[in-house]
Amino acid sequence: VGAGAAHALLVSLGVVGAAVALCLCLVRLLPR
């Protein structure tokens, strides 16, 4: 956030996006 709230939001969204992408890989292992 030192670089601004918008920058902090963008960095955090990148982290969240990576986590959700990992979840997409795990979906294939779930029961159908």
mmCIF file of all heavy atoms, coordinates in Angstrom:
data_MODEL
# 
_entry.id   MODEL 
# 
loop_
_atom_site.group_PDB 
_atom_site.id 
_atom_site.type_symbol 
_atom_site.label_atom_id 
_atom_site.label_alt_id 
_atom_site.label_comp_id 
_atom_site.label_asym_id 
_atom_site.label_entity_id 
_atom_site.label_seq_id 
_atom_site.pdbx_PDB_ins_code 
_atom_site.Cartn_x 
_atom_site.Cartn_y 
_atom_site.Cartn_z 
_atom_site.occupancy 
_atom_site.B_iso_or_equiv 
_atom_site.pdbx_formal_charge 
_atom_site.auth_seq_id 
_atom_site.auth_comp_id 
_atom_site.auth_asym_id 
_atom_site.auth_atom_id 
_atom_site.pdbx_PDB_model_num 
ATOM 1   N N   . VAL A 1 1  ? 0.808   -1.208  0.000   1.00 0.00 ? 1  VAL A N   1 
ATOM 2   C CA  . VAL A 1 1  ? 0.000   0.000   0.000   1.00 0.00 ? 1  VAL A CA  1 
ATOM 3   C C   . VAL A 1 1  ? 0.852   1.273   0.000   1.00 0.00 ? 1  VAL A C   1 
ATOM 4   O O   . VAL A 1 1  ? 0.341   2.371   -0.273  1.00 0.00 ? 1  VAL A O   1 
ATOM 5   C CB  . VAL A 1 1  ? -0.959  -0.011  1.213   1.00 0.00 ? 1  VAL A CB  1 
ATOM 6   C CG1 . VAL A 1 1  ? -0.231  0.389   2.508   1.00 0.00 ? 1  VAL A CG1 1 
ATOM 7   C CG2 . VAL A 1 1  ? -2.158  0.906   0.974   1.00 0.00 ? 1  VAL A CG2 1 
ATOM 8   N N   . GLY A 1 2  ? 2.141   1.136   0.265   1.00 0.00 ? 2  GLY A N   1 
ATOM 9   C CA  . GLY A 1 2  ? 3.005   2.313   0.231   1.00 0.00 ? 2  GLY A CA  1 
ATOM 10  C C   . GLY A 1 2  ? 3.043   2.966   -1.128  1.00 0.00 ? 2  GLY A C   1 
ATOM 11  O O   . GLY A 1 2  ? 3.249   4.192   -1.247  1.00 0.00 ? 2  GLY A O   1 
ATOM 12  N N   . ALA A 1 3  ? 2.821   2.179   -2.180  1.00 0.00 ? 3  ALA A N   1 
ATOM 13  C CA  . ALA A 1 3  ? 2.797   2.703   -3.546  1.00 0.00 ? 3  ALA A CA  1 
ATOM 14  C C   . ALA A 1 3  ? 1.398   3.140   -3.964  1.00 0.00 ? 3  ALA A C   1 
ATOM 15  O O   . ALA A 1 3  ? 1.180   3.479   -5.129  1.00 0.00 ? 3  ALA A O   1 
ATOM 16  C CB  . ALA A 1 3  ? 3.325   1.658   -4.526  1.00 0.00 ? 3  ALA A CB  1 
ATOM 17  N N   . GLY A 1 4  ? 0.461   3.110   -3.028  1.00 0.00 ? 4  GLY A N   1 
ATOM 18  C CA  . GLY A 1 4  ? -0.906  3.531   -3.322  1.00 0.00 ? 4  GLY A CA  1 
ATOM 19  C C   . GLY A 1 4  ? -1.893  2.400   -3.170  1.00 0.00 ? 4  GLY A C   1 
ATOM 20  O O   . GLY A 1 4  ? -1.546  1.216   -3.333  1.00 0.00 ? 4  GLY A O   1 
ATOM 21  N N   . ALA A 1 5  ? -3.143  2.762   -2.857  1.00 0.00 ? 5  ALA A N   1 
ATOM 22  C CA  . ALA A 1 5  ? -4.177  1.746   -2.654  1.00 0.00 ? 5  ALA A CA  1 
ATOM 23  C C   . ALA A 1 5  ? -4.471  0.966   -3.922  1.00 0.00 ? 5  ALA A C   1 
ATOM 24  O O   . ALA A 1 5  ? -4.729  -0.238  -3.875  1.00 0.00 ? 5  ALA A O   1 
ATOM 25  C CB  . ALA A 1 5  ? -5.461  2.415   -2.140  1.00 0.00 ? 5  ALA A CB  1 
ATOM 26  N N   . ALA A 1 6  ? -4.418  1.645   -5.082  1.00 0.00 ? 6  ALA A N   1 
ATOM 27  C CA  . ALA A 1 6  ? -4.684  0.950   -6.342  1.00 0.00 ? 6  ALA A CA  1 
ATOM 28  C C   . ALA A 1 6  ? -3.613  -0.113  -6.601  1.00 0.00 ? 6  ALA A C   1 
ATOM 29  O O   . ALA A 1 6  ? -3.918  -1.240  -7.016  1.00 0.00 ? 6  ALA A O   1 
ATOM 30  C CB  . ALA A 1 6  ? -4.730  1.962   -7.493  1.00 0.00 ? 6  ALA A CB  1 
ATOM 31  N N   . HIS A 1 7  ? -2.347  0.251   -6.370  1.00 0.00 ? 7  HIS A N   1 
ATOM 32  C CA  . HIS A 1 7  ? -1.261  -0.717  -6.550  1.00 0.00 ? 7  HIS A CA  1 
ATOM 33  C C   . HIS A 1 7  ? -1.421  -1.895  -5.601  1.00 0.00 ? 7  HIS A C   1 
ATOM 34  O O   . HIS A 1 7  ? -1.228  -3.063  -5.989  1.00 0.00 ? 7  HIS A O   1 
ATOM 35  C CB  . HIS A 1 7  ? 0.086   -0.023  -6.319  1.00 0.00 ? 7  HIS A CB  1 
ATOM 36  C CG  . HIS A 1 7  ? 1.248   -0.959  -6.330  1.00 0.00 ? 7  HIS A CG  1 
ATOM 37  N ND1 . HIS A 1 7  ? 1.733   -1.533  -7.484  1.00 0.00 ? 7  HIS A ND1 1 
ATOM 38  C CD2 . HIS A 1 7  ? 2.031   -1.438  -5.306  1.00 0.00 ? 7  HIS A CD2 1 
ATOM 39  C CE1 . HIS A 1 7  ? 2.753   -2.314  -7.194  1.00 0.00 ? 7  HIS A CE1 1 
ATOM 40  N NE2 . HIS A 1 7  ? 2.951   -2.273  -5.882  1.00 0.00 ? 7  HIS A NE2 1 
ATOM 41  N N   . ALA A 1 8  ? -1.747  -1.610  -4.345  1.00 0.00 ? 8  ALA A N   1 
ATOM 42  C CA  . ALA A 1 8  ? -1.934  -2.678  -3.368  1.00 0.00 ? 8  ALA A CA  1 
ATOM 43  C C   . ALA A 1 8  ? -3.069  -3.611  -3.787  1.00 0.00 ? 8  ALA A C   1 
ATOM 44  O O   . ALA A 1 8  ? -2.965  -4.838  -3.637  1.00 0.00 ? 8  ALA A O   1 
ATOM 45  C CB  . ALA A 1 8  ? -2.220  -2.075  -1.996  1.00 0.00 ? 8  ALA A CB  1 
ATOM 46  N N   . LEU A 1 9  ? -4.136  -3.034  -4.311  1.00 0.00 ? 9  LEU A N   1 
ATOM 47  C CA  . LEU A 1 9  ? -5.258  -3.859  -4.779  1.00 0.00 ? 9  LEU A CA  1 
ATOM 48  C C   . LEU A 1 9  ? -4.832  -4.758  -5.923  1.00 0.00 ? 9  LEU A C   1 
ATOM 49  O O   . LEU A 1 9  ? -5.173  -5.949  -5.960  1.00 0.00 ? 9  LEU A O   1 
ATOM 50  C CB  . LEU A 1 9  ? -6.416  -2.964  -5.207  1.00 0.00 ? 9  LEU A CB  1 
ATOM 51  C CG  . LEU A 1 9  ? -7.650  -3.705  -5.747  1.00 0.00 ? 9  LEU A CG  1 
ATOM 52  C CD1 . LEU A 1 9  ? -8.324  -4.514  -4.643  1.00 0.00 ? 9  LEU A CD1 1 
ATOM 53  C CD2 . LEU A 1 9  ? -8.640  -2.723  -6.358  1.00 0.00 ? 9  LEU A CD2 1 
ATOM 54  N N   . LEU A 1 10 ? -4.073  -4.227  -6.869  1.00 0.00 ? 10 LEU A N   1 
ATOM 55  C CA  . LEU A 1 10 ? -3.644  -5.015  -8.027  1.00 0.00 ? 10 LEU A CA  1 
ATOM 56  C C   . LEU A 1 10 ? -2.734  -6.165  -7.613  1.00 0.00 ? 10 LEU A C   1 
ATOM 57  O O   . LEU A 1 10 ? -2.878  -7.292  -8.102  1.00 0.00 ? 10 LEU A O   1 
ATOM 58  C CB  . LEU A 1 10 ? -2.930  -4.112  -9.037  1.00 0.00 ? 10 LEU A CB  1 
ATOM 59  C CG  . LEU A 1 10 ? -3.812  -3.077  -9.741  1.00 0.00 ? 10 LEU A CG  1 
ATOM 60  C CD1 . LEU A 1 10 ? -2.968  -2.162  -10.617 1.00 0.00 ? 10 LEU A CD1 1 
ATOM 61  C CD2 . LEU A 1 10 ? -4.890  -3.766  -10.570 1.00 0.00 ? 10 LEU A CD2 1 
ATOM 62  N N   . VAL A 1 11 ? -1.812  -5.895  -6.696  1.00 0.00 ? 11 VAL A N   1 
ATOM 63  C CA  . VAL A 1 11 ? -0.923  -6.961  -6.219  1.00 0.00 ? 11 VAL A CA  1 
ATOM 64  C C   . VAL A 1 11 ? -1.719  -8.039  -5.493  1.00 0.00 ? 11 VAL A C   1 
ATOM 65  O O   . VAL A 1 11 ? -1.519  -9.243  -5.712  1.00 0.00 ? 11 VAL A O   1 
ATOM 66  C CB  . VAL A 1 11 ? 0.161   -6.374  -5.292  1.00 0.00 ? 11 VAL A CB  1 
ATOM 67  C CG1 . VAL A 1 11 ? 0.980   -7.498  -4.647  1.00 0.00 ? 11 VAL A CG1 1 
ATOM 68  C CG2 . VAL A 1 11 ? 1.080   -5.435  -6.061  1.00 0.00 ? 11 VAL A CG2 1 
ATOM 69  N N   . SER A 1 12 ? -2.649  -7.620  -4.661  1.00 0.00 ? 12 SER A N   1 
ATOM 70  C CA  . SER A 1 12 ? -3.464  -8.579  -3.911  1.00 0.00 ? 12 SER A CA  1 
ATOM 71  C C   . SER A 1 12 ? -4.359  -9.386  -4.841  1.00 0.00 ? 12 SER A C   1 
ATOM 72  O O   . SER A 1 12 ? -4.555  -10.590 -4.633  1.00 0.00 ? 12 SER A O   1 
ATOM 73  C CB  . SER A 1 12 ? -4.307  -7.843  -2.871  1.00 0.00 ? 12 SER A CB  1 
ATOM 74  O OG  . SER A 1 12 ? -3.496  -7.109  -1.983  1.00 0.00 ? 12 SER A OG  1 
ATOM 75  N N   . LEU A 1 13 ? -4.897  -8.748  -5.860  1.00 0.00 ? 13 LEU A N   1 
ATOM 76  C CA  . LEU A 1 13 ? -5.716  -9.478  -6.837  1.00 0.00 ? 13 LEU A CA  1 
ATOM 77  C C   . LEU A 1 13 ? -4.892  -10.528 -7.562  1.00 0.00 ? 13 LEU A C   1 
ATOM 78  O O   . LEU A 1 13 ? -5.405  -11.604 -7.910  1.00 0.00 ? 13 LEU A O   1 
ATOM 79  C CB  . LEU A 1 13 ? -6.329  -8.503  -7.840  1.00 0.00 ? 13 LEU A CB  1 
ATOM 80  C CG  . LEU A 1 13 ? -7.525  -7.685  -7.350  1.00 0.00 ? 13 LEU A CG  1 
ATOM 81  C CD1 . LEU A 1 13 ? -7.905  -6.625  -8.385  1.00 0.00 ? 13 LEU A CD1 1 
ATOM 82  C CD2 . LEU A 1 13 ? -8.715  -8.596  -7.064  1.00 0.00 ? 13 LEU A CD2 1 
ATOM 83  N N   . GLY A 1 14 ? -3.617  -10.238 -7.804  1.00 0.00 ? 14 GLY A N   1 
ATOM 84  C CA  . GLY A 1 14 ? -2.747  -11.240 -8.417  1.00 0.00 ? 14 GLY A CA  1 
ATOM 85  C C   . GLY A 1 14 ? -2.579  -12.467 -7.536  1.00 0.00 ? 14 GLY A C   1 
ATOM 86  O O   . GLY A 1 14 ? -2.603  -13.611 -8.024  1.00 0.00 ? 14 GLY A O   1 
ATOM 87  N N   . VAL A 1 15 ? -2.441  -12.252 -6.233  1.00 0.00 ? 15 VAL A N   1 
ATOM 88  C CA  . VAL A 1 15 ? -2.317  -13.369 -5.297  1.00 0.00 ? 15 VAL A CA  1 
ATOM 89  C C   . VAL A 1 15 ? -3.601  -14.191 -5.268  1.00 0.00 ? 15 VAL A C   1 
ATOM 90  O O   . VAL A 1 15 ? -3.584  -15.430 -5.320  1.00 0.00 ? 15 VAL A O   1 
ATOM 91  C CB  . VAL A 1 15 ? -1.971  -12.845 -3.885  1.00 0.00 ? 15 VAL A CB  1 
ATOM 92  C CG1 . VAL A 1 15 ? -2.014  -13.975 -2.856  1.00 0.00 ? 15 VAL A CG1 1 
ATOM 93  C CG2 . VAL A 1 15 ? -0.600  -12.182 -3.897  1.00 0.00 ? 15 VAL A CG2 1 
ATOM 94  N N   . VAL A 1 16 ? -4.738  -13.496 -5.198  1.00 0.00 ? 16 VAL A N   1 
ATOM 95  C CA  . VAL A 1 16 ? -6.025  -14.191 -5.176  1.00 0.00 ? 16 VAL A CA  1 
ATOM 96  C C   . VAL A 1 16 ? -6.243  -14.960 -6.477  1.00 0.00 ? 16 VAL A C   1 
ATOM 97  O O   . VAL A 1 16 ? -6.697  -16.111 -6.477  1.00 0.00 ? 16 VAL A O   1 
ATOM 98  C CB  . VAL A 1 16 ? -7.172  -13.193 -4.940  1.00 0.00 ? 16 VAL A CB  1 
ATOM 99  C CG1 . VAL A 1 16 ? -8.531  -13.861 -5.142  1.00 0.00 ? 16 VAL A CG1 1 
ATOM 100 C CG2 . VAL A 1 16 ? -7.079  -12.597 -3.541  1.00 0.00 ? 16 VAL A CG2 1 
ATOM 101 N N   . GLY A 1 17 ? -5.896  -14.351 -7.599  1.00 0.00 ? 17 GLY A N   1 
ATOM 102 C CA  . GLY A 1 17 ? -6.053  -15.022 -8.886  1.00 0.00 ? 17 GLY A CA  1 
ATOM 103 C C   . GLY A 1 17 ? -5.224  -16.288 -8.987  1.00 0.00 ? 17 GLY A C   1 
ATOM 104 O O   . GLY A 1 17 ? -5.691  -17.317 -9.513  1.00 0.00 ? 17 GLY A O   1 
ATOM 105 N N   . ALA A 1 18 ? -3.998  -16.250 -8.465  1.00 0.00 ? 18 ALA A N   1 
ATOM 106 C CA  . ALA A 1 18 ? -3.150  -17.439 -8.479  1.00 0.00 ? 18 ALA A CA  1 
ATOM 107 C C   . ALA A 1 18 ? -3.754  -18.549 -7.622  1.00 0.00 ? 18 ALA A C   1 
ATOM 108 O O   . ALA A 1 18 ? -3.727  -19.733 -7.996  1.00 0.00 ? 18 ALA A O   1 
ATOM 109 C CB  . ALA A 1 18 ? -1.752  -17.083 -7.982  1.00 0.00 ? 18 ALA A CB  1 
ATOM 110 N N   . ALA A 1 19 ? -4.323  -18.182 -6.475  1.00 0.00 ? 19 ALA A N   1 
ATOM 111 C CA  . ALA A 1 19 ? -4.947  -19.179 -5.605  1.00 0.00 ? 19 ALA A CA  1 
ATOM 112 C C   . ALA A 1 19 ? -6.164  -19.811 -6.267  1.00 0.00 ? 19 ALA A C   1 
ATOM 113 O O   . ALA A 1 19 ? -6.366  -21.028 -6.202  1.00 0.00 ? 19 ALA A O   1 
ATOM 114 C CB  . ALA A 1 19 ? -5.347  -18.527 -4.277  1.00 0.00 ? 19 ALA A CB  1 
ATOM 115 N N   . VAL A 1 20 ? -6.981  -18.990 -6.924  1.00 0.00 ? 20 VAL A N   1 
ATOM 116 C CA  . VAL A 1 20 ? -8.174  -19.522 -7.597  1.00 0.00 ? 20 VAL A CA  1 
ATOM 117 C C   . VAL A 1 20 ? -7.767  -20.416 -8.765  1.00 0.00 ? 20 VAL A C   1 
ATOM 118 O O   . VAL A 1 20 ? -8.395  -21.449 -9.029  1.00 0.00 ? 20 VAL A O   1 
ATOM 119 C CB  . VAL A 1 20 ? -9.076  -18.362 -8.071  1.00 0.00 ? 20 VAL A CB  1 
ATOM 120 C CG1 . VAL A 1 20 ? -10.247 -18.895 -8.889  1.00 0.00 ? 20 VAL A CG1 1 
ATOM 121 C CG2 . VAL A 1 20 ? -9.601  -17.578 -6.871  1.00 0.00 ? 20 VAL A CG2 1 
ATOM 122 N N   . ALA A 1 21 ? -6.705  -20.062 -9.475  1.00 0.00 ? 21 ALA A N   1 
ATOM 123 C CA  . ALA A 1 21 ? -6.218  -20.896 -10.573 1.00 0.00 ? 21 ALA A CA  1 
ATOM 124 C C   . ALA A 1 21 ? -5.758  -22.262 -10.049 1.00 0.00 ? 21 ALA A C   1 
ATOM 125 O O   . ALA A 1 21 ? -5.987  -23.298 -10.701 1.00 0.00 ? 21 ALA A O   1 
ATOM 126 C CB  . ALA A 1 21 ? -5.079  -20.189 -11.299 1.00 0.00 ? 21 ALA A CB  1 
ATOM 127 N N   . LEU A 1 22 ? -5.114  -22.270 -8.887  1.00 0.00 ? 22 LEU A N   1 
ATOM 128 C CA  . LEU A 1 22 ? -4.727  -23.541 -8.270  1.00 0.00 ? 22 LEU A CA  1 
ATOM 129 C C   . LEU A 1 22 ? -5.955  -24.390 -7.960  1.00 0.00 ? 22 LEU A C   1 
ATOM 130 O O   . LEU A 1 22 ? -5.956  -25.610 -8.170  1.00 0.00 ? 22 LEU A O   1 
ATOM 131 C CB  . LEU A 1 22 ? -3.931  -23.275 -6.992  1.00 0.00 ? 22 LEU A CB  1 
ATOM 132 C CG  . LEU A 1 22 ? -3.583  -24.506 -6.138  1.00 0.00 ? 22 LEU A CG  1 
ATOM 133 C CD1 . LEU A 1 22 ? -2.726  -25.489 -6.918  1.00 0.00 ? 22 LEU A CD1 1 
ATOM 134 C CD2 . LEU A 1 22 ? -2.865  -24.069 -4.860  1.00 0.00 ? 22 LEU A CD2 1 
ATOM 135 N N   . CYS A 1 23 ? -7.017  -23.749 -7.484  1.00 0.00 ? 23 CYS A N   1 
ATOM 136 C CA  . CYS A 1 23 ? -8.256  -24.476 -7.186  1.00 0.00 ? 23 CYS A CA  1 
ATOM 137 C C   . CYS A 1 23 ? -8.838  -25.109 -8.441  1.00 0.00 ? 23 CYS A C   1 
ATOM 138 O O   . CYS A 1 23 ? -9.397  -26.215 -8.396  1.00 0.00 ? 23 CYS A O   1 
ATOM 139 C CB  . CYS A 1 23 ? -9.278  -23.542 -6.548  1.00 0.00 ? 23 CYS A CB  1 
ATOM 140 S SG  . CYS A 1 23 ? -8.821  -22.985 -4.892  1.00 0.00 ? 23 CYS A SG  1 
ATOM 141 N N   . LEU A 1 24 ? -8.711  -24.440 -9.566  1.00 0.00 ? 24 LEU A N   1 
ATOM 142 C CA  . LEU A 1 24 ? -9.207  -25.002 -10.830 1.00 0.00 ? 24 LEU A CA  1 
ATOM 143 C C   . LEU A 1 24 ? -8.497  -26.310 -11.162 1.00 0.00 ? 24 LEU A C   1 
ATOM 144 O O   . LEU A 1 24 ? -9.105  -27.241 -11.703 1.00 0.00 ? 24 LEU A O   1 
ATOM 145 C CB  . LEU A 1 24 ? -9.015  -23.998 -11.961 1.00 0.00 ? 24 LEU A CB  1 
ATOM 146 C CG  . LEU A 1 24 ? -10.111 -22.951 -12.134 1.00 0.00 ? 24 LEU A CG  1 
ATOM 147 C CD1 . LEU A 1 24 ? -9.694  -21.910 -13.175 1.00 0.00 ? 24 LEU A CD1 1 
ATOM 148 C CD2 . LEU A 1 24 ? -11.423 -23.617 -12.559 1.00 0.00 ? 24 LEU A CD2 1 
ATOM 149 N N   . CYS A 1 25 ? -7.214  -26.393 -10.841 1.00 0.00 ? 25 CYS A N   1 
ATOM 150 C CA  . CYS A 1 25 ? -6.476  -27.638 -11.076 1.00 0.00 ? 25 CYS A CA  1 
ATOM 151 C C   . CYS A 1 25 ? -6.978  -28.755 -10.163 1.00 0.00 ? 25 CYS A C   1 
ATOM 152 O O   . CYS A 1 25 ? -6.986  -29.929 -10.553 1.00 0.00 ? 25 CYS A O   1 
ATOM 153 C CB  . CYS A 1 25 ? -4.984  -27.412 -10.865 1.00 0.00 ? 25 CYS A CB  1 
ATOM 154 S SG  . CYS A 1 25 ? -4.235  -26.193 -11.968 1.00 0.00 ? 25 CYS A SG  1 
ATOM 155 N N   . LEU A 1 26 ? -7.395  -28.405 -8.956  1.00 0.00 ? 26 LEU A N   1 
ATOM 156 C CA  . LEU A 1 26 ? -7.857  -29.409 -7.995  1.00 0.00 ? 26 LEU A CA  1 
ATOM 157 C C   . LEU A 1 26 ? -9.261  -29.910 -8.299  1.00 0.00 ? 26 LEU A C   1 
ATOM 158 O O   . LEU A 1 26 ? -9.630  -31.002 -7.856  1.00 0.00 ? 26 LEU A O   1 
ATOM 159 C CB  . LEU A 1 26 ? -7.822  -28.823 -6.576  1.00 0.00 ? 26 LEU A CB  1 
ATOM 160 C CG  . LEU A 1 26 ? -6.437  -28.504 -6.017  1.00 0.00 ? 26 LEU A CG  1 
ATOM 161 C CD1 . LEU A 1 26 ? -6.565  -27.762 -4.683  1.00 0.00 ? 26 LEU A CD1 1 
ATOM 162 C CD2 . LEU A 1 26 ? -5.631  -29.783 -5.823  1.00 0.00 ? 26 LEU A CD2 1 
ATOM 163 N N   . VAL A 1 27 ? -10.038 -29.142 -9.035  1.00 0.00 ? 27 VAL A N   1 
ATOM 164 C CA  . VAL A 1 27 ? -11.424 -29.538 -9.322  1.00 0.00 ? 27 VAL A CA  1 
ATOM 165 C C   . VAL A 1 27 ? -11.468 -30.885 -10.035 1.00 0.00 ? 27 VAL A C   1 
ATOM 166 O O   . VAL A 1 27 ? -12.380 -31.693 -9.810  1.00 0.00 ? 27 VAL A O   1 
ATOM 167 C CB  . VAL A 1 27 ? -12.132 -28.446 -10.156 1.00 0.00 ? 27 VAL A CB  1 
ATOM 168 C CG1 . VAL A 1 27 ? -13.455 -28.964 -10.713 1.00 0.00 ? 27 VAL A CG1 1 
ATOM 169 C CG2 . VAL A 1 27 ? -12.402 -27.227 -9.296  1.00 0.00 ? 27 VAL A CG2 1 
ATOM 170 N N   . ARG A 1 28 ? -10.503 -31.165 -10.870 1.00 0.00 ? 28 ARG A N   1 
ATOM 171 C CA  . ARG A 1 28 ? -10.493 -32.424 -11.628 1.00 0.00 ? 28 ARG A CA  1 
ATOM 172 C C   . ARG A 1 28 ? -10.382 -33.645 -10.731 1.00 0.00 ? 28 ARG A C   1 
ATOM 173 O O   . ARG A 1 28 ? -10.705 -34.763 -11.150 1.00 0.00 ? 28 ARG A O   1 
ATOM 174 C CB  . ARG A 1 28 ? -9.335  -32.415 -12.628 1.00 0.00 ? 28 ARG A CB  1 
ATOM 175 C CG  . ARG A 1 28 ? -9.432  -31.335 -13.682 1.00 0.00 ? 28 ARG A CG  1 
ATOM 176 C CD  . ARG A 1 28 ? -8.300  -31.435 -14.678 1.00 0.00 ? 28 ARG A CD  1 
ATOM 177 N NE  . ARG A 1 28 ? -8.323  -32.705 -15.375 1.00 0.00 ? 28 ARG A NE  1 
ATOM 178 C CZ  . ARG A 1 28 ? -7.387  -33.102 -16.248 1.00 0.00 ? 28 ARG A CZ  1 
ATOM 179 N NH1 . ARG A 1 28 ? -6.360  -32.304 -16.504 1.00 0.00 ? 28 ARG A NH1 1 
ATOM 180 N NH2 . ARG A 1 28 ? -7.472  -34.261 -16.843 1.00 0.00 ? 28 ARG A NH2 1 
ATOM 181 N N   . LEU A 1 29 ? -9.900  -33.456 -9.506  1.00 0.00 ? 29 LEU A N   1 
ATOM 182 C CA  . LEU A 1 29 ? -9.754  -34.579 -8.573  1.00 0.00 ? 29 LEU A CA  1 
ATOM 183 C C   . LEU A 1 29 ? -10.994 -34.813 -7.730  1.00 0.00 ? 29 LEU A C   1 
ATOM 184 O O   . LEU A 1 29 ? -11.069 -35.795 -6.997  1.00 0.00 ? 29 LEU A O   1 
ATOM 185 C CB  . LEU A 1 29 ? -8.557  -34.326 -7.655  1.00 0.00 ? 29 LEU A CB  1 
ATOM 186 C CG  . LEU A 1 29 ? -7.199  -34.145 -8.346  1.00 0.00 ? 29 LEU A CG  1 
ATOM 187 C CD1 . LEU A 1 29 ? -6.117  -33.838 -7.316  1.00 0.00 ? 29 LEU A CD1 1 
ATOM 188 C CD2 . LEU A 1 29 ? -6.832  -35.372 -9.158  1.00 0.00 ? 29 LEU A CD2 1 
ATOM 189 N N   . LEU A 1 30 ? -11.967 -33.910 -7.804  1.00 0.00 ? 30 LEU A N   1 
ATOM 190 C CA  . LEU A 1 30 ? -13.191 -34.059 -7.021  1.00 0.00 ? 30 LEU A CA  1 
ATOM 191 C C   . LEU A 1 30 ? -14.085 -35.142 -7.610  1.00 0.00 ? 30 LEU A C   1 
ATOM 192 O O   . LEU A 1 30 ? -13.972 -35.482 -8.793  1.00 0.00 ? 30 LEU A O   1 
ATOM 193 C CB  . LEU A 1 30 ? -13.959 -32.732 -6.999  1.00 0.00 ? 30 LEU A CB  1 
ATOM 194 C CG  . LEU A 1 30 ? -13.289 -31.522 -6.344  1.00 0.00 ? 30 LEU A CG  1 
ATOM 195 C CD1 . LEU A 1 30 ? -14.221 -30.322 -6.426  1.00 0.00 ? 30 LEU A CD1 1 
ATOM 196 C CD2 . LEU A 1 30 ? -12.913 -31.816 -4.912  1.00 0.00 ? 30 LEU A CD2 1 
ATOM 197 N N   . PRO A 1 31 ? -15.008 -35.686 -6.814  1.00 0.00 ? 31 PRO A N   1 
ATOM 198 C CA  . PRO A 1 31 ? -16.029 -36.576 -7.376  1.00 0.00 ? 31 PRO A CA  1 
ATOM 199 C C   . PRO A 1 31 ? -16.818 -35.856 -8.462  1.00 0.00 ? 31 PRO A C   1 
ATOM 200 O O   . PRO A 1 31 ? -16.967 -34.633 -8.432  1.00 0.00 ? 31 PRO A O   1 
ATOM 201 C CB  . PRO A 1 31 ? -16.926 -36.885 -6.164  1.00 0.00 ? 31 PRO A CB  1 
ATOM 202 C CG  . PRO A 1 31 ? -16.040 -36.680 -4.976  1.00 0.00 ? 31 PRO A CG  1 
ATOM 203 C CD  . PRO A 1 31 ? -15.116 -35.550 -5.350  1.00 0.00 ? 31 PRO A CD  1 
ATOM 204 N N   . ARG A 1 32 ? -17.308 -36.599 -9.417  1.00 0.00 ? 32 ARG A N   1 
ATOM 205 C CA  . ARG A 1 32 ? -17.980 -35.976 -10.563 1.00 0.00 ? 32 ARG A CA  1 
ATOM 206 C C   . ARG A 1 32 ? -19.307 -35.337 -10.190 1.00 0.00 ? 32 ARG A C   1 
ATOM 207 O O   . ARG A 1 32 ? -19.725 -34.354 -10.803 1.00 0.00 ? 32 ARG A O   1 
ATOM 208 C CB  . ARG A 1 32 ? -18.209 -37.011 -11.673 1.00 0.00 ? 32 ARG A CB  1 
ATOM 209 C CG  . ARG A 1 32 ? -16.915 -37.492 -12.319 1.00 0.00 ? 32 ARG A CG  1 
ATOM 210 C CD  . ARG A 1 32 ? -17.203 -38.434 -13.457 1.00 0.00 ? 32 ARG A CD  1 
ATOM 211 N NE  . ARG A 1 32 ? -15.973 -38.867 -14.104 1.00 0.00 ? 32 ARG A NE  1 
ATOM 212 C CZ  . ARG A 1 32 ? -15.356 -38.194 -15.068 1.00 0.00 ? 32 ARG A CZ  1 
ATOM 213 N NH1 . ARG A 1 32 ? -15.884 -37.056 -15.493 1.00 0.00 ? 32 ARG A NH1 1 
ATOM 214 N NH2 . ARG A 1 32 ? -14.243 -38.640 -15.597 1.00 0.00 ? 32 ARG A NH2 1 
# 
